[in-house]
C-alpha atoms as a PDB file:
ATOM      1  CA  MET A   1     222.484 351.095   9.752  1.00  0.00           C
ATOM      2  CA  GLY A   2     221.946 347.900   8.007  1.00  0.00           C
ATOM      3  CA  SER A   3     220.869 348.141   4.423  1.00  0.00           C
ATOM      4  CA  ASN A   4     217.434 348.189   3.811  1.00  0.00           C
ATOM      5  CA  PRO A   5     216.220 345.096   2.347  1.00  0.00           C
ATOM      6  CA  THR A   6     213.027 345.700   1.608  1.00  0.00           C
ATOM      7  CA  PRO A   7     212.494 346.993  -2.013  1.00  0.00           C
ATOM      8  CA  SER A   8     208.881 348.560  -1.814  1.00  0.00           C
ATOM      9  CA  ALA A   9     206.245 348.712   0.880  1.00  0.00           C
ATOM     10  CA  MET A  10     203.768 347.927  -1.409  1.00  0.00           C
ATOM     11  CA  ASP A  11     205.630 344.524  -2.482  1.00  0.00           C
ATOM     12  CA  LEU A  12     205.154 343.338   1.043  1.00  0.00           C
ATOM     13  CA  PRO A  13     202.429 340.751   2.291  1.00  0.00           C
ATOM     14  CA  SER A  14     200.423 341.364   5.071  1.00  0.00           C
ATOM     15  CA  GLY A  15     199.230 339.547   8.412  1.00  0.00           C
ATOM     16  CA  ASP A  16     201.224 336.311   9.226  1.00  0.00           C
ATOM     17  CA  ALA A  17     202.694 336.090   5.861  1.00  0.00           C
ATOM     18  CA  ALA A  18     204.590 339.477   6.426  1.00  0.00           C
ATOM     19  CA  ASP A  19     205.797 337.999  10.192  1.00  0.00           C
ATOM     20  CA  VAL A  20     207.264 335.012   8.205  1.00  0.00           C
ATOM     21  CA  ALA A  21     208.949 337.449   5.702  1.00  0.00           C
ATOM     22  CA  PHE A  22     210.515 339.811   8.222  1.00  0.00           C
ATOM     23  CA  MET A  23     211.726 336.686  10.221  1.00  0.00           C
ATOM     24  CA  ARG A  24     213.427 335.568   7.176  1.00  0.00           C
ATOM     25  CA  LEU A  25     215.129 339.049   6.950  1.00  0.00           C
ATOM     26  CA  ALA A  26     216.345 338.446  10.607  1.00  0.00           C
ATOM     27  CA  ILE A  27     217.465 335.161   9.740  1.00  0.00           C
ATOM     28  CA  GLU A  28     219.706 336.449   7.283  1.00  0.00           C
ATOM     29  CA  GLN A  29     220.966 339.084   9.726  1.00  0.00           C
ATOM     30  CA  ALA A  30     221.590 336.187  11.984  1.00  0.00           C
ATOM     31  CA  ARG A  31     223.829 334.330   9.432  1.00  0.00           C
ATOM     32  CA  ALA A  32     225.796 337.330   8.837  1.00  0.00           C
ATOM     33  CA  ALA A  33     226.780 337.293  12.553  1.00  0.00           C
ATOM     34  CA  GLN A  34     228.662 333.926  12.226  1.00  0.00           C
ATOM     35  CA  GLU A  35     231.077 335.618   9.757  1.00  0.00           C
ATOM     36  CA  HIS A  36     232.773 336.956  12.740  1.00  0.00           C
ATOM     37  CA  ASP A  37     232.133 334.242  15.155  1.00  0.00           C
ATOM     38  CA  ASP A  38     229.229 336.173  17.207  1.00  0.00           C
ATOM     39  CA  VAL A  39     226.133 333.978  18.059  1.00  0.00           C
ATOM     40  CA  PRO A  40     223.661 333.946  15.322  1.00  0.00           C
ATOM     41  CA  ILE A  41     220.888 336.321  16.101  1.00  0.00           C
ATOM     42  CA  GLY A  42     219.296 338.753  13.967  1.00  0.00           C
ATOM     43  CA  ALA A  43     216.890 341.615  14.482  1.00  0.00           C
ATOM     44  CA  VAL A  44     214.898 343.580  12.067  1.00  0.00           C
ATOM     45  CA  VAL A  45     212.638 346.722  13.110  1.00  0.00           C
ATOM     46  CA  VAL A  46     209.807 347.266  10.632  1.00  0.00           C
ATOM     47  CA  ARG A  47     207.962 350.655  10.886  1.00  0.00           C
ATOM     48  CA  ASP A  48     204.165 351.007   9.958  1.00  0.00           C
ATOM     49  CA  THR A  49     203.876 353.911   7.448  1.00  0.00           C
ATOM     50  CA  ALA A  50     200.686 355.021   5.303  1.00  0.00           C
ATOM     51  CA  ASP A  51     202.529 353.200   2.255  1.00  0.00           C
ATOM     52  CA  GLY A  52     202.713 350.038   4.373  1.00  0.00           C
ATOM     53  CA  PRO A  53     205.760 348.293   6.366  1.00  0.00           C
ATOM     54  CA  VAL A  54     209.133 349.616   6.010  1.00  0.00           C
ATOM     55  CA  VAL A  55     212.166 348.011   7.131  1.00  0.00           C
ATOM     56  CA  VAL A  56     213.983 350.653   9.326  1.00  0.00           C
ATOM     57  CA  ALA A  57     216.822 348.719  10.559  1.00  0.00           C
ATOM     58  CA  ALA A  58     218.513 345.295  10.302  1.00  0.00           C
ATOM     59  CA  ARG A  59     221.364 344.169  12.448  1.00  0.00           C
ATOM     60  CA  HIS A  60     222.939 341.042  13.983  1.00  0.00           C
ATOM     61  CA  ASN A  61     225.162 340.291  17.211  1.00  0.00           C
ATOM     62  CA  GLU A  62     228.309 342.074  17.264  1.00  0.00           C
ATOM     63  CA  ARG A  63     229.510 341.336  20.720  1.00  0.00           C
ATOM     64  CA  GLU A  64     232.768 339.356  19.348  1.00  0.00           C
ATOM     65  CA  LEU A  65     233.367 341.735  16.390  1.00  0.00           C
ATOM     66  CA  THR A  66     233.220 344.966  18.552  1.00  0.00           C
ATOM     67  CA  GLY A  67     233.935 343.771  22.152  1.00  0.00           C
ATOM     68  CA  ASP A  68     230.980 345.397  23.340  1.00  0.00           C
ATOM     69  CA  PRO A  69     228.831 343.317  25.923  1.00  0.00           C
ATOM     70  CA  THR A  70     225.560 345.277  25.030  1.00  0.00           C
ATOM     71  CA  ALA A  71     225.963 344.888  21.051  1.00  0.00           C
ATOM     72  CA  HIS A  72     222.961 342.201  20.847  1.00  0.00           C
ATOM     73  CA  ALA A  73     221.306 342.381  17.408  1.00  0.00           C
ATOM     74  CA  GLU A  74     218.043 343.820  19.445  1.00  0.00           C
ATOM     75  CA  VAL A  75     220.065 346.896  20.928  1.00  0.00           C
ATOM     76  CA  LEU A  76     221.958 347.668  17.783  1.00  0.00           C
ATOM     77  CA  ALA A  77     218.526 347.544  15.996  1.00  0.00           C
ATOM     78  CA  LEU A  78     216.932 349.707  17.999  1.00  0.00           C
ATOM     79  CA  ARG A  79     219.758 352.252  18.063  1.00  0.00           C
ATOM     80  CA  ASP A  80     219.477 352.264  14.006  1.00  0.00           C
ATOM     81  CA  ALA A  81     215.486 352.568  13.930  1.00  0.00           C
ATOM     82  CA  SER A  82     215.402 355.374  16.438  1.00  0.00           C
ATOM     83  CA  GLN A  83     217.908 357.377  14.241  1.00  0.00           C
ATOM     84  CA  ALA A  84     216.363 356.491  11.102  1.00  0.00           C
ATOM     85  CA  VAL A  85     212.782 357.500  12.613  1.00  0.00           C
ATOM     86  CA  GLY A  86     214.346 360.654  14.190  1.00  0.00           C
ATOM     87  CA  HIS A  87     213.244 359.811  17.870  1.00  0.00           C
ATOM     88  CA  TRP A  88     213.377 356.961  20.872  1.00  0.00           C
ATOM     89  CA  ARG A  89     209.862 356.242  20.718  1.00  0.00           C
ATOM     90  CA  LEU A  90     209.316 353.235  18.417  1.00  0.00           C
ATOM     91  CA  LEU A  91     205.295 353.088  18.907  1.00  0.00           C
ATOM     92  CA  ASP A  92     204.571 352.364  15.373  1.00  0.00           C
ATOM     93  CA  CYS A  93     207.554 349.776  14.979  1.00  0.00           C
ATOM     94  CA  THR A  94     207.734 346.155  15.376  1.00  0.00           C
ATOM     95  CA  LEU A  95     210.868 344.259  16.278  1.00  0.00           C
ATOM     96  CA  TYR A  96     211.543 340.903  14.586  1.00  0.00           C
ATOM     97  CA  VAL A  97     214.176 338.913  16.311  1.00  0.00           C
ATOM     98  CA  THR A  98     215.296 335.175  15.841  1.00  0.00           C
ATOM     99  CA  LEU A  99     215.685 334.471  19.618  1.00  0.00           C
ATOM    100  CA  GLU A 100     213.535 335.401  22.567  1.00  0.00           C
ATOM    101  CA  PRO A 101     215.078 338.520  23.941  1.00  0.00           C
ATOM    102  CA  CYS A 102     217.437 338.703  27.150  1.00  0.00           C
ATOM    103  CA  VAL A 103     216.799 340.880  30.227  1.00  0.00           C
ATOM    104  CA  MET A 104     218.619 343.774  28.766  1.00  0.00           C
ATOM    105  CA  CYS A 105     217.029 343.720  25.507  1.00  0.00           C
ATOM    106  CA  ALA A 106     213.577 343.197  26.885  1.00  0.00           C
ATOM    107  CA  GLY A 107     214.393 346.113  29.128  1.00  0.00           C
ATOM    108  CA  ALA A 108     215.458 348.351  26.312  1.00  0.00           C
ATOM    109  CA  LEU A 109     212.350 347.209  24.118  1.00  0.00           C
ATOM    110  CA  VAL A 110     210.083 348.389  26.765  1.00  0.00           C
ATOM    111  CA  ASN A 111     212.118 351.672  27.102  1.00  0.00           C
ATOM    112  CA  SER A 112     211.841 352.177  23.508  1.00  0.00           C
ATOM    113  CA  ARG A 113     208.288 351.788  23.563  1.00  0.00           C
ATOM    114  CA  ILE A 114     208.405 349.427  20.631  1.00  0.00           C
ATOM    115  CA  GLY A 115     204.848 348.676  19.507  1.00  0.00           C
ATOM    116  CA  ARG A 116     205.280 344.966  19.124  1.00  0.00           C
ATOM    117  CA  ILE A 117     207.843 342.151  19.530  1.00  0.00           C
ATOM    118  CA  VAL A 118     207.844 339.036  17.293  1.00  0.00           C
ATOM    119  CA  TYR A 119     210.429 336.345  17.948  1.00  0.00           C
ATOM    120  CA  GLY A 120     211.422 332.695  16.738  1.00  0.00           C
ATOM    121  CA  ALA A 121     212.996 330.491  19.027  1.00  0.00           C
ATOM    122  CA  THR A 122     212.334 330.354  22.748  1.00  0.00           C
ATOM    123  CA  ASP A 123     215.515 330.977  25.019  1.00  0.00           C
ATOM    124  CA  PRO A 124     214.969 328.746  28.119  1.00  0.00           C
ATOM    125  CA  LYS A 125     218.252 329.736  29.668  1.00  0.00           C
ATOM    126  CA  ALA A 126     217.960 333.322  29.312  1.00  0.00           C
ATOM    127  CA  GLY A 127     214.767 334.432  27.937  1.00  0.00           C
ATOM    128  CA  ALA A 128     213.222 337.381  29.393  1.00  0.00           C
ATOM    129  CA  VAL A 129     210.028 337.820  27.398  1.00  0.00           C
ATOM    130  CA  ALA A 130     208.327 334.492  28.502  1.00  0.00           C
ATOM    131  CA  SER A 131     210.671 331.912  29.532  1.00  0.00           C
ATOM    132  CA  LEU A 132     212.426 332.813  32.677  1.00  0.00           C
ATOM    133  CA  TYR A 133     210.986 336.396  33.218  1.00  0.00           C
ATOM    134  CA  GLU A 134     207.912 338.079  31.539  1.00  0.00           C
ATOM    135  CA  VAL A 135     209.448 341.683  31.358  1.00  0.00           C
ATOM    136  CA  CYS A 136     207.332 342.865  28.725  1.00  0.00           C
ATOM    137  CA  ALA A 137     204.220 341.793  30.332  1.00  0.00           C
ATOM    138  CA  ASP A 138     205.107 343.147  33.793  1.00  0.00           C
ATOM    139  CA  LEU A 139     202.335 345.449  35.004  1.00  0.00           C
ATOM    140  CA  ARG A 140     204.638 347.385  37.005  1.00  0.00           C
ATOM    141  CA  LEU A 141     205.791 348.812  34.004  1.00  0.00           C
ATOM    142  CA  ASN A 142     204.499 351.696  31.884  1.00  0.00           C
ATOM    143  CA  HIS A 143     204.535 349.917  28.174  1.00  0.00           C
ATOM    144  CA  ARG A 144     203.801 346.357  27.381  1.00  0.00           C
ATOM    145  CA  PRO A 145     204.140 345.489  23.871  1.00  0.00           C
ATOM    146  CA  PRO A 146     202.060 342.636  22.598  1.00  0.00           C
ATOM    147  CA  VAL A 147     204.310 339.628  21.879  1.00  0.00           C
ATOM    148  CA  GLU A 148     204.044 336.910  18.904  1.00  0.00           C
ATOM    149  CA  ALA A 149     206.426 333.999  19.707  1.00  0.00           C
ATOM    150  CA  GLY A 150     207.550 331.079  17.617  1.00  0.00           C
ATOM    151  CA  VAL A 151     207.681 332.493  14.003  1.00  0.00           C
ATOM    152  CA  LEU A 152     209.910 330.106  12.049  1.00  0.00           C
ATOM    153  CA  ALA A 153     210.982 328.804  15.602  1.00  0.00           C
ATOM    154  CA  ASP A 154     212.566 325.752  14.380  1.00  0.00           C
ATOM    155  CA  GLU A 155     214.670 327.240  11.626  1.00  0.00           C
ATOM    156  CA  CYS A 156     215.860 330.159  14.210  1.00  0.00           C
ATOM    157  CA  GLY A 157     216.572 327.459  16.714  1.00  0.00           C
ATOM    158  CA  ARG A 158     218.587 325.171  14.157  1.00  0.00           C
ATOM    159  CA  LEU A 159     220.903 328.091  13.295  1.00  0.00           C
ATOM    160  CA  LEU A 160     221.759 328.189  17.163  1.00  0.00           C
ATOM    161  CA  LYS A 161     222.105 324.657  17.885  1.00  0.00           C
ATOM    162  CA  ASP A 162     224.298 324.234  14.460  1.00  0.00           C
ATOM    163  CA  PHE A 163     226.601 327.326  15.544  1.00  0.00           C
ATOM    164  CA  PHE A 164     227.164 325.880  19.114  1.00  0.00           C
ATOM    165  CA  ALA A 165     227.387 322.346  17.886  1.00  0.00           C
ATOM    166  CA  ALA A 166     230.156 323.315  15.797  1.00  0.00           C
ATOM    167  CA  ARG A 167     231.785 325.411  18.606  1.00  0.00           C
ATOM    168  CA  ARG A 168     231.906 322.250  20.573  1.00  0.00           C
ATOM    169  CA  ALA A 169     233.442 319.922  18.018  1.00  0.00           C
END
């Protein structure tokens, strides 16, 4: 698991300020992905506890690093979070991710019973939460987590635009 960047649950803001603070942690993770030429996407899983929110996982894309096509930030963060909390159901957790999840990741989020999803930039080419598909809102599925879109969207999107512009240059 990535290190827990949260010093104390008591030091964290609440409400929208908390969403911004945790998205900033996801952005830090996204930047780390660039160190090994992975697409800069970061994800953080935050668990609600009696003492307040606690970061239980923080990861970034590692497809290029590991050669694993499933090594998306969200999947890696879900794996770490499940291990940290001791079970696969993450009902008391929120996933913060810099880019709208793809079909694979949206499916993993539904299957993890994640309590909430917060993402930054939309993904018009592969987004499966709102853009191309609405996996997390599909009435045929047994779990439909609430979704908050657009938190620090410009900053999240800029990371991706800069990354791909540099690769084309």
